Amino acid sequence: MTGCKSLLRSKEVAMRIALVILLTCGVAFGQQRYVRDFTAGTNGVATATYDSFEGELHAIFISNDASVTGTVSVAYTPLGLTSEVLATNTVVGSKAFYPSVYLTDSAGTALTNHPPVRYILKRDDVTVTVTDAPASSTWRAVLLVK
């Protein structure tokens, strides 16, 4: 009988260890969401900035509270230099963007014979700007990062 209790105890310990490993892997390999809500002023412009953003950008989701229309531009500023546009388009209600970029050769020419890759941001600022929106409209930007 003692052998059975010992065996059950070792299986319980092994299951707990496996659970801890699974939870740790989920956090290590999982994606994070960064959410910002922001409101358009009387001029129809709304802006949200994510400071020192880091990670591989997988998706950008933009939505608003009343299915209104606005022109959205998402840009990042690499190393404090000139900003680069990640996505831009008119949004009615909501829209998802999946930005990617081609690798370049040493001259900066896009290598279109290779598949595009996700943007990898290294402590860069990301700014979401909405223009031509109704005054007081509330917008939400969600960045999905791995």
N, C-alpha and C. Protein backbone atom coordinates (compact mmCIF):
# COMPACT_ATOMS: atom_id res chain seq x y z
N MET A 1 0.82 -1.19 0.00
CA MET A 1 0.00 0.00 0.00
C MET A 1 0.87 1.26 0.00
N THR A 2 2.00 1.21 0.71
CA THR A 2 2.89 2.36 0.77
C THR A 2 3.46 2.65 -0.61
N GLY A 3 3.75 1.62 -1.39
CA GLY A 3 4.28 1.80 -2.74
C GLY A 3 3.29 2.51 -3.63
N CYS A 4 1.99 2.22 -3.49
CA CYS A 4 0.96 2.88 -4.30
C CYS A 4 0.88 4.36 -3.94
N LYS A 5 0.95 4.71 -2.65
CA LYS A 5 0.91 6.11 -2.23
C LYS A 5 2.13 6.86 -2.77
N SER A 6 3.26 6.20 -2.74
CA SER A 6 4.49 6.82 -3.24
C SER A 6 4.39 7.07 -4.74
N LEU A 7 3.83 6.09 -5.46
CA LEU A 7 3.66 6.23 -6.90
C LEU A 7 2.68 7.35 -7.24
N LEU A 8 1.55 7.42 -6.50
CA LEU A 8 0.58 8.48 -6.72
C LEU A 8 1.19 9.85 -6.42
N ARG A 9 1.98 9.92 -5.37
CA ARG A 9 2.62 11.18 -4.99
C ARG A 9 3.60 11.63 -6.08
N SER A 10 4.37 10.72 -6.64
CA SER A 10 5.33 11.10 -7.67
C SER A 10 4.62 11.52 -8.96
N LYS A 11 3.48 10.90 -9.28
CA LYS A 11 2.70 11.32 -10.45
C LYS A 11 2.13 12.72 -10.24
N GLU A 12 1.67 13.01 -9.02
CA GLU A 12 1.13 14.33 -8.70
C GLU A 12 2.21 15.40 -8.85
N VAL A 13 3.41 15.10 -8.35
CA VAL A 13 4.52 16.04 -8.47
C VAL A 13 4.87 16.25 -9.94
N ALA A 14 4.91 15.18 -10.71
CA ALA A 14 5.23 15.28 -12.13
C ALA A 14 4.19 16.10 -12.88
N MET A 15 2.91 15.94 -12.54
CA MET A 15 1.85 16.71 -13.17
C MET A 15 1.98 18.20 -12.83
N ARG A 16 2.33 18.50 -11.59
CA ARG A 16 2.50 19.90 -11.20
C ARG A 16 3.68 20.53 -11.94
N ILE A 17 4.75 19.78 -12.07
CA ILE A 17 5.91 20.28 -12.81
C ILE A 17 5.54 20.53 -14.27
N ALA A 18 4.81 19.61 -14.87
CA ALA A 18 4.38 19.76 -16.25
C ALA A 18 3.48 20.99 -16.41
N LEU A 19 2.60 21.22 -15.46
CA LEU A 19 1.72 22.38 -15.51
C LEU A 19 2.53 23.68 -15.44
N VAL A 20 3.50 23.74 -14.56
CA VAL A 20 4.35 24.92 -14.44
C VAL A 20 5.11 25.17 -15.74
N ILE A 21 5.61 24.12 -16.35
CA ILE A 21 6.34 24.25 -17.61
C ILE A 21 5.41 24.77 -18.71
N LEU A 22 4.20 24.24 -18.80
CA LEU A 22 3.25 24.69 -19.81
C LEU A 22 2.89 26.16 -19.62
N LEU A 23 2.65 26.56 -18.38
CA LEU A 23 2.30 27.95 -18.10
C LEU A 23 3.47 28.88 -18.43
N THR A 24 4.67 28.45 -18.11
CA THR A 24 5.86 29.25 -18.40
C THR A 24 6.04 29.40 -19.90
N CYS A 25 5.87 28.33 -20.65
CA CYS A 25 6.01 28.40 -22.10
C CYS A 25 4.94 29.30 -22.71
N GLY A 26 3.74 29.26 -22.18
CA GLY A 26 2.67 30.11 -22.68
C GLY A 26 3.02 31.58 -22.52
N VAL A 27 3.64 31.94 -21.41
CA VAL A 27 4.04 33.32 -21.19
C VAL A 27 5.23 33.67 -22.08
N ALA A 28 6.19 32.77 -22.17
CA ALA A 28 7.40 33.04 -22.94
C ALA A 28 7.12 33.14 -24.43
N PHE A 29 6.24 32.30 -24.96
CA PHE A 29 5.99 32.27 -26.39
C PHE A 29 4.69 32.96 -26.78
N GLY A 30 3.94 33.44 -25.82
CA GLY A 30 2.66 34.07 -26.09
C GLY A 30 2.80 35.48 -26.62
N GLN A 31 1.70 35.98 -27.13
CA GLN A 31 1.68 37.34 -27.64
C GLN A 31 1.11 38.27 -26.58
N GLN A 32 1.54 39.51 -26.63
CA GLN A 32 1.06 40.52 -25.71
C GLN A 32 0.24 41.53 -26.47
N ARG A 33 -0.77 42.08 -25.79
CA ARG A 33 -1.60 43.12 -26.38
C ARG A 33 -1.33 44.44 -25.66
N TYR A 34 -1.16 45.49 -26.44
CA TYR A 34 -1.00 46.83 -25.90
C TYR A 34 -2.21 47.63 -26.37
N VAL A 35 -3.01 48.13 -25.43
CA VAL A 35 -4.28 48.77 -25.76
C VAL A 35 -4.23 50.24 -25.36
N ARG A 36 -4.70 51.11 -26.25
CA ARG A 36 -4.82 52.54 -25.94
C ARG A 36 -6.16 53.03 -26.45
N ASP A 37 -6.86 53.77 -25.61
CA ASP A 37 -8.07 54.48 -26.02
C ASP A 37 -7.73 55.96 -26.11
N PHE A 38 -8.25 56.63 -27.11
CA PHE A 38 -7.98 58.05 -27.28
C PHE A 38 -9.15 58.70 -28.00
N THR A 39 -9.33 60.01 -27.79
CA THR A 39 -10.51 60.72 -28.27
C THR A 39 -10.12 61.85 -29.22
N ALA A 40 -10.90 61.99 -30.28
CA ALA A 40 -10.67 63.06 -31.25
C ALA A 40 -11.09 64.39 -30.65
N GLY A 41 -10.29 65.39 -30.92
CA GLY A 41 -10.63 66.74 -30.46
C GLY A 41 -11.61 67.40 -31.41
N THR A 42 -11.87 68.67 -31.19
CA THR A 42 -12.81 69.39 -32.05
C THR A 42 -12.29 69.52 -33.48
N ASN A 43 -10.98 69.36 -33.67
CA ASN A 43 -10.39 69.41 -35.01
C ASN A 43 -10.45 68.07 -35.73
N GLY A 44 -11.01 67.04 -35.09
CA GLY A 44 -11.15 65.73 -35.71
C GLY A 44 -9.88 64.90 -35.71
N VAL A 45 -8.92 65.26 -34.85
CA VAL A 45 -7.65 64.54 -34.79
C VAL A 45 -7.51 63.86 -33.42
N ALA A 46 -7.08 62.62 -33.44
CA ALA A 46 -6.81 61.86 -32.22
C ALA A 46 -5.45 61.19 -32.36
N THR A 47 -4.69 61.16 -31.27
CA THR A 47 -3.35 60.57 -31.32
C THR A 47 -3.09 59.76 -30.06
N ALA A 48 -2.44 58.62 -30.24
CA ALA A 48 -1.97 57.80 -29.12
C ALA A 48 -0.54 57.37 -29.43
N THR A 49 0.34 57.46 -28.43
CA THR A 49 1.74 57.08 -28.62
C THR A 49 2.12 56.00 -27.62
N TYR A 50 2.77 54.97 -28.12
CA TYR A 50 3.34 53.91 -27.30
C TYR A 50 4.84 54.20 -27.22
N ASP A 51 5.32 54.54 -26.03
CA ASP A 51 6.73 54.89 -25.86
C ASP A 51 7.59 53.65 -25.71
N SER A 52 8.77 53.69 -26.31
CA SER A 52 9.78 52.64 -26.18
C SER A 52 9.20 51.25 -26.41
N PHE A 53 8.54 51.10 -27.52
CA PHE A 53 7.88 49.85 -27.87
C PHE A 53 8.90 48.84 -28.34
N GLU A 54 8.76 47.58 -27.89
CA GLU A 54 9.73 46.56 -28.26
C GLU A 54 9.04 45.26 -28.58
N GLY A 55 9.45 44.61 -29.67
CA GLY A 55 8.92 43.31 -30.02
C GLY A 55 8.65 43.18 -31.51
N GLU A 56 8.18 42.01 -31.89
CA GLU A 56 7.83 41.72 -33.28
C GLU A 56 6.35 42.04 -33.46
N LEU A 57 6.06 43.04 -34.27
CA LEU A 57 4.69 43.51 -34.44
C LEU A 57 3.92 42.60 -35.39
N HIS A 58 2.89 41.95 -34.86
CA HIS A 58 2.11 41.00 -35.66
C HIS A 58 0.84 41.62 -36.24
N ALA A 59 0.18 42.50 -35.48
CA ALA A 59 -1.08 43.06 -35.97
C ALA A 59 -1.39 44.37 -35.28
N ILE A 60 -2.15 45.19 -35.97
CA ILE A 60 -2.66 46.45 -35.43
C ILE A 60 -4.17 46.44 -35.66
N PHE A 61 -4.93 46.59 -34.59
CA PHE A 61 -6.39 46.64 -34.69
C PHE A 61 -6.84 48.04 -34.29
N ILE A 62 -7.66 48.66 -35.13
CA ILE A 62 -8.18 50.00 -34.87
C ILE A 62 -9.70 49.90 -34.87
N SER A 63 -10.34 50.51 -33.88
CA SER A 63 -11.79 50.53 -33.85
C SER A 63 -12.26 51.83 -33.20
N ASN A 64 -13.55 52.12 -33.37
CA ASN A 64 -14.12 53.30 -32.71
C ASN A 64 -15.47 52.95 -32.12
N ASP A 65 -15.99 53.87 -31.33
CA ASP A 65 -17.16 53.57 -30.54
C ASP A 65 -18.48 53.63 -31.28
N ALA A 66 -18.53 54.26 -32.44
CA ALA A 66 -19.83 54.45 -33.08
C ALA A 66 -19.81 54.18 -34.58
N SER A 67 -18.89 53.33 -35.04
CA SER A 67 -18.77 53.01 -36.46
C SER A 67 -18.65 54.26 -37.33
N VAL A 68 -17.87 55.22 -36.85
CA VAL A 68 -17.63 56.44 -37.62
C VAL A 68 -16.40 56.24 -38.50
N THR A 69 -16.15 57.21 -39.37
CA THR A 69 -15.05 57.13 -40.31
C THR A 69 -13.91 58.06 -39.90
N GLY A 70 -12.70 57.59 -40.11
CA GLY A 70 -11.52 58.41 -39.88
C GLY A 70 -10.37 57.84 -40.69
N THR A 71 -9.38 58.67 -40.96
CA THR A 71 -8.19 58.22 -41.68
C THR A 71 -7.13 57.90 -40.65
N VAL A 72 -6.66 56.66 -40.64
CA VAL A 72 -5.71 56.18 -39.64
C VAL A 72 -4.32 56.05 -40.25
N SER A 73 -3.33 56.48 -39.49
CA SER A 73 -1.93 56.29 -39.86
C SER A 73 -1.19 55.79 -38.63
N VAL A 74 -0.44 54.71 -38.80
CA VAL A 74 0.37 54.15 -37.72
C VAL A 74 1.82 54.22 -38.17
N ALA A 75 2.66 54.84 -37.35
CA ALA A 75 4.06 55.02 -37.72
C ALA A 75 4.95 54.74 -36.52
N TYR A 76 6.19 54.38 -36.79
CA TYR A 76 7.16 54.22 -35.71
C TYR A 76 8.39 55.06 -36.02
N THR A 77 9.12 55.39 -34.98
CA THR A 77 10.30 56.23 -35.12
C THR A 77 11.51 55.42 -34.71
N PRO A 78 12.23 54.83 -35.66
CA PRO A 78 13.39 54.01 -35.30
C PRO A 78 14.55 54.86 -34.79
N LEU A 79 14.99 54.56 -33.59
CA LEU A 79 16.15 55.22 -32.99
C LEU A 79 16.04 56.74 -32.98
N GLY A 80 14.82 57.24 -32.90
CA GLY A 80 14.62 58.68 -32.85
C GLY A 80 14.83 59.39 -34.17
N LEU A 81 14.89 58.63 -35.27
CA LEU A 81 15.12 59.22 -36.60
C LEU A 81 13.78 59.60 -37.24
N THR A 82 13.74 59.68 -38.55
CA THR A 82 12.51 59.99 -39.27
C THR A 82 11.51 58.85 -39.12
N SER A 83 10.24 59.19 -38.92
CA SER A 83 9.23 58.16 -38.71
C SER A 83 8.96 57.39 -40.01
N GLU A 84 8.62 56.12 -39.84
CA GLU A 84 8.29 55.22 -40.94
C GLU A 84 6.85 54.77 -40.77
N VAL A 85 6.05 54.84 -41.84
CA VAL A 85 4.65 54.46 -41.77
C VAL A 85 4.52 52.94 -41.82
N LEU A 86 3.81 52.38 -40.86
CA LEU A 86 3.55 50.94 -40.81
C LEU A 86 2.23 50.60 -41.52
N ALA A 87 1.25 51.48 -41.38
CA ALA A 87 -0.06 51.22 -41.97
C ALA A 87 -0.81 52.54 -42.09
N THR A 88 -1.62 52.68 -43.14
CA THR A 88 -2.47 53.85 -43.30
C THR A 88 -3.66 53.48 -44.18
N ASN A 89 -4.85 53.95 -43.78
CA ASN A 89 -6.04 53.67 -44.55
C ASN A 89 -7.23 54.35 -43.88
N THR A 90 -8.32 54.46 -44.61
CA THR A 90 -9.58 54.94 -44.03
C THR A 90 -10.19 53.79 -43.24
N VAL A 91 -10.67 54.12 -42.05
CA VAL A 91 -11.30 53.10 -41.20
C VAL A 91 -12.74 53.52 -40.93
N VAL A 92 -13.65 52.60 -41.20
CA VAL A 92 -15.06 52.80 -40.88
C VAL A 92 -15.42 51.75 -39.84
N GLY A 93 -15.54 52.16 -38.60
CA GLY A 93 -15.86 51.22 -37.52
C GLY A 93 -14.63 50.53 -36.99
N SER A 94 -14.07 49.61 -37.78
CA SER A 94 -12.87 48.90 -37.32
C SER A 94 -12.10 48.35 -38.52
N LYS A 95 -10.83 48.08 -38.27
CA LYS A 95 -9.98 47.53 -39.33
C LYS A 95 -8.78 46.86 -38.68
N ALA A 96 -8.29 45.81 -39.32
CA ALA A 96 -7.08 45.11 -38.87
C ALA A 96 -5.99 45.30 -39.90
N PHE A 97 -4.79 45.59 -39.43
CA PHE A 97 -3.61 45.72 -40.29
C PHE A 97 -2.60 44.66 -39.87
N TYR A 98 -1.93 44.05 -40.84
CA TYR A 98 -0.88 43.07 -40.58
C TYR A 98 0.38 43.52 -41.31
N PRO A 99 1.08 44.51 -40.75
CA PRO A 99 2.21 45.10 -41.47
C PRO A 99 3.41 44.16 -41.58
N SER A 100 4.06 44.23 -42.74
CA SER A 100 5.28 43.46 -42.96
C SER A 100 6.16 44.24 -43.93
N VAL A 101 7.40 43.83 -44.04
CA VAL A 101 8.35 44.56 -44.86
C VAL A 101 9.29 43.56 -45.54
N TYR A 102 9.75 43.92 -46.74
CA TYR A 102 10.74 43.09 -47.41
C TYR A 102 12.12 43.37 -46.84
N LEU A 103 12.93 42.34 -46.76
CA LEU A 103 14.33 42.53 -46.40
C LEU A 103 14.99 43.31 -47.53
N THR A 104 16.10 43.98 -47.23
CA THR A 104 16.80 44.74 -48.26
C THR A 104 18.24 44.29 -48.38
N ASP A 105 18.81 44.59 -49.54
CA ASP A 105 20.24 44.32 -49.72
C ASP A 105 21.04 45.49 -49.17
N SER A 106 22.33 45.48 -49.36
CA SER A 106 23.18 46.52 -48.78
C SER A 106 22.93 47.91 -49.39
N ALA A 107 22.30 47.96 -50.56
CA ALA A 107 21.97 49.24 -51.18
C ALA A 107 20.57 49.73 -50.78
N GLY A 108 19.85 48.92 -49.99
CA GLY A 108 18.52 49.31 -49.57
C GLY A 108 17.42 48.90 -50.52
N THR A 109 17.75 48.07 -51.51
CA THR A 109 16.76 47.59 -52.49
C THR A 109 16.01 46.40 -51.91
N ALA A 110 14.68 46.41 -52.03
CA ALA A 110 13.86 45.33 -51.49
C ALA A 110 14.17 44.01 -52.17
N LEU A 111 14.33 42.97 -51.36
CA LEU A 111 14.57 41.62 -51.87
C LEU A 111 13.22 40.93 -52.03
N THR A 112 12.54 41.19 -53.13
CA THR A 112 11.19 40.69 -53.33
C THR A 112 11.14 39.20 -53.63
N ASN A 113 12.30 38.58 -53.83
CA ASN A 113 12.31 37.13 -54.05
C ASN A 113 12.30 36.38 -52.72
N HIS A 114 12.30 37.10 -51.60
CA HIS A 114 12.16 36.51 -50.27
C HIS A 114 10.81 36.94 -49.70
N PRO A 115 10.21 36.13 -48.85
CA PRO A 115 8.92 36.55 -48.28
C PRO A 115 9.11 37.73 -47.32
N PRO A 116 8.10 38.60 -47.22
CA PRO A 116 8.21 39.72 -46.28
C PRO A 116 8.25 39.21 -44.84
N VAL A 117 8.80 40.04 -43.96
CA VAL A 117 8.93 39.69 -42.54
C VAL A 117 8.21 40.73 -41.69
N ARG A 118 7.93 40.38 -40.45
CA ARG A 118 7.29 41.30 -39.51
C ARG A 118 8.27 42.39 -39.11
N TYR A 119 7.73 43.53 -38.76
CA TYR A 119 8.56 44.60 -38.23
C TYR A 119 9.06 44.21 -36.84
N ILE A 120 10.33 44.39 -36.60
CA ILE A 120 10.90 44.16 -35.27
C ILE A 120 11.31 45.51 -34.72
N LEU A 121 10.64 45.91 -33.66
CA LEU A 121 10.87 47.21 -33.07
C LEU A 121 11.74 47.07 -31.83
N LYS A 122 12.71 47.95 -31.71
CA LYS A 122 13.66 47.91 -30.59
C LYS A 122 13.59 49.22 -29.82
N ARG A 123 12.67 49.27 -28.86
CA ARG A 123 12.50 50.45 -28.01
C ARG A 123 12.19 51.69 -28.84
N ASP A 124 11.37 51.50 -29.87
CA ASP A 124 10.95 52.58 -30.75
C ASP A 124 9.59 53.10 -30.31
N ASP A 125 9.31 54.38 -30.58
CA ASP A 125 8.00 54.94 -30.31
C ASP A 125 7.07 54.62 -31.48
N VAL A 126 5.84 54.19 -31.17
CA VAL A 126 4.82 53.92 -32.18
C VAL A 126 3.68 54.91 -31.94
N THR A 127 3.28 55.61 -33.00
CA THR A 127 2.22 56.62 -32.88
C THR A 127 1.07 56.26 -33.81
N VAL A 128 -0.14 56.26 -33.24
CA VAL A 128 -1.36 56.04 -34.01
C VAL A 128 -2.06 57.39 -34.10
N THR A 129 -2.33 57.82 -35.33
CA THR A 129 -3.00 59.11 -35.54
C THR A 129 -4.25 58.90 -36.36
N VAL A 130 -5.35 59.48 -35.91
CA VAL A 130 -6.61 59.47 -36.65
C VAL A 130 -6.92 60.90 -37.05
N THR A 131 -7.22 61.12 -38.32
CA THR A 131 -7.62 62.45 -38.80
C THR A 131 -8.98 62.35 -39.48
N ASP A 132 -9.59 63.49 -39.72
CA ASP A 132 -10.91 63.55 -40.38
C ASP A 132 -11.97 62.75 -39.65
N ALA A 133 -11.86 62.66 -38.33
CA ALA A 133 -12.83 61.94 -37.52
C ALA A 133 -13.81 62.92 -36.89
N PRO A 134 -15.01 62.48 -36.56
CA PRO A 134 -15.94 63.37 -35.87
C PRO A 134 -15.38 63.78 -34.50
N ALA A 135 -15.63 65.01 -34.12
CA ALA A 135 -15.18 65.49 -32.82
C ALA A 135 -15.75 64.61 -31.71
N SER A 136 -14.94 64.37 -30.71
CA SER A 136 -15.30 63.57 -29.53
C SER A 136 -15.49 62.09 -29.80
N SER A 137 -15.16 61.61 -31.00
CA SER A 137 -15.26 60.17 -31.25
C SER A 137 -14.11 59.47 -30.52
N THR A 138 -14.42 58.33 -29.92
CA THR A 138 -13.43 57.58 -29.16
C THR A 138 -12.89 56.44 -30.00
N TRP A 139 -11.58 56.31 -30.02
CA TRP A 139 -10.90 55.30 -30.83
C TRP A 139 -10.11 54.37 -29.93
N ARG A 140 -9.88 53.17 -30.39
CA ARG A 140 -9.05 52.19 -29.67
C ARG A 140 -8.05 51.60 -30.64
N ALA A 141 -6.80 51.56 -30.18
CA ALA A 141 -5.73 50.91 -30.95
C ALA A 141 -5.19 49.76 -30.12
N VAL A 142 -5.08 48.60 -30.73
CA VAL A 142 -4.52 47.42 -30.08
C VAL A 142 -3.36 46.93 -30.93
N LEU A 143 -2.17 46.86 -30.33
CA LEU A 143 -1.00 46.32 -31.01
C LEU A 143 -0.74 44.92 -30.46
N LEU A 144 -0.64 43.95 -31.34
CA LEU A 144 -0.37 42.57 -30.96
C LEU A 144 1.08 42.28 -31.26
N VAL A 145 1.82 41.92 -30.20
CA VAL A 145 3.27 41.79 -30.28
C VAL A 145 3.71 40.45 -29.72
N LYS A 146 4.74 39.93 -30.34
CA LYS A 146 5.33 38.70 -29.80
C LYS A 146 6.73 39.00 -29.37
